[in-house]
């Protein structure tokens, strides 16, 4: 269950930050969301070229979600410290 929560959080929290934050913070929140989008696009294109190339794609999404979650966590902590 923890793995599923991390995966969902890594996807949902950047989207939430994009909707709620403004200015430069919104741009910063877009980077983890862009990262996840690029990973998903790479999986789709790679699978279209070779159906056996991404057999472990759920783990690729999970790894990208962890990176995204760490980035959003750092932004969330840094935002009050650096000023809104």
Protein backbone atom coordinates (compact mmCIF):
# COMPACT_ATOMS: atom_id res chain seq x y z
CA UNK A 1 0.00 0.00 0.00
CA UNK A 2 2.87 2.37 0.74
CA UNK A 3 4.27 1.88 -2.74
CA UNK A 4 0.90 2.71 -4.30
CA UNK A 5 0.58 5.81 -2.10
CA UNK A 6 4.05 6.99 -3.13
CA UNK A 7 3.21 6.45 -6.79
CA UNK A 8 -0.07 8.31 -6.57
CA UNK A 9 1.45 11.09 -4.48
CA UNK A 10 4.27 11.59 -6.96
CA UNK A 11 1.71 12.13 -9.69
CA UNK A 12 -1.03 13.98 -7.78
CA UNK A 13 1.03 16.45 -5.73
CA UNK A 14 2.70 18.21 -8.68
CA UNK A 15 -0.73 18.59 -10.31
CA UNK A 16 -2.13 20.00 -7.07
CA UNK A 17 0.79 22.42 -6.77
CA UNK A 18 0.31 23.53 -10.38
CA UNK A 19 -3.30 24.38 -9.64
CA UNK A 20 -2.71 26.18 -6.33
CA UNK A 21 0.63 27.95 -6.66
CA UNK A 22 1.32 31.04 -8.73
CA UNK A 23 4.27 32.82 -10.27
CA UNK A 24 7.68 31.22 -10.14
CA UNK A 25 6.45 28.55 -7.76
CA UNK A 26 4.03 27.32 -10.41
CA UNK A 27 6.90 27.08 -12.89
CA UNK A 28 8.94 25.16 -10.32
CA UNK A 29 6.00 22.81 -9.70
CA UNK A 30 5.73 22.22 -13.43
CA UNK A 31 9.18 20.63 -13.57
CA UNK A 32 8.28 17.43 -11.66
CA UNK A 33 5.06 17.18 -13.68
CA UNK A 34 7.06 17.62 -16.88
CA UNK A 35 9.49 14.94 -15.71
CA UNK A 36 6.64 12.45 -15.25
CA UNK A 37 5.19 13.37 -18.62
CA UNK A 38 8.51 12.81 -20.35
CA UNK A 39 8.96 9.43 -18.69
CA UNK A 40 5.45 8.39 -19.76
CA UNK A 41 6.07 9.64 -23.30
CA UNK A 42 9.36 7.73 -23.46
CA UNK A 43 7.57 4.55 -22.38
CA UNK A 44 4.80 5.01 -24.94
CA UNK A 45 7.20 5.74 -27.80
CA UNK A 46 9.60 2.98 -26.79
CA UNK A 47 6.79 0.46 -26.61
CA UNK A 48 5.47 1.58 -29.99
CA UNK A 49 8.87 0.90 -31.54
CA UNK A 50 9.57 -2.33 -29.66
CA UNK A 51 6.76 -3.90 -27.61
CA UNK A 52 9.26 -5.72 -25.39
CA UNK A 53 11.35 -2.66 -24.50
CA UNK A 54 9.45 -1.55 -21.39
CA UNK A 55 8.24 -4.73 -19.74
CA UNK A 56 8.75 -3.18 -16.31
CA UNK A 57 7.07 0.14 -17.07
CA UNK A 58 5.18 0.28 -13.74
CA UNK A 59 8.53 0.41 -11.96
CA UNK A 60 9.73 3.14 -14.29
CA UNK A 61 6.64 5.19 -13.45
CA UNK A 62 7.18 4.49 -9.74
CA UNK A 63 10.81 5.62 -9.90
CA UNK A 64 9.84 8.82 -11.69
CA UNK A 65 7.07 9.36 -9.12
CA UNK A 66 9.58 9.09 -6.27
CA UNK A 67 11.81 11.70 -7.91
CA UNK A 68 8.77 13.91 -8.44
CA UNK A 69 7.63 13.44 -4.86
CA UNK A 70 11.05 14.40 -3.49
CA UNK A 71 11.15 17.50 -5.71
CA UNK A 72 7.66 18.64 -4.70
CA UNK A 73 8.50 17.93 -1.07
CA UNK A 74 11.59 20.13 -1.31
CA UNK A 75 9.57 22.88 -2.98
CA UNK A 76 6.85 22.63 -0.35
CA UNK A 77 9.40 22.95 2.45
CA UNK A 78 11.36 25.68 0.69
CA UNK A 79 8.38 27.78 -0.26
CA UNK A 80 7.64 29.18 3.23
CA UNK A 81 11.35 29.57 3.96
CA UNK A 82 12.03 31.61 0.83
CA UNK A 83 8.80 33.55 0.88
CA UNK A 84 5.67 33.20 -1.13
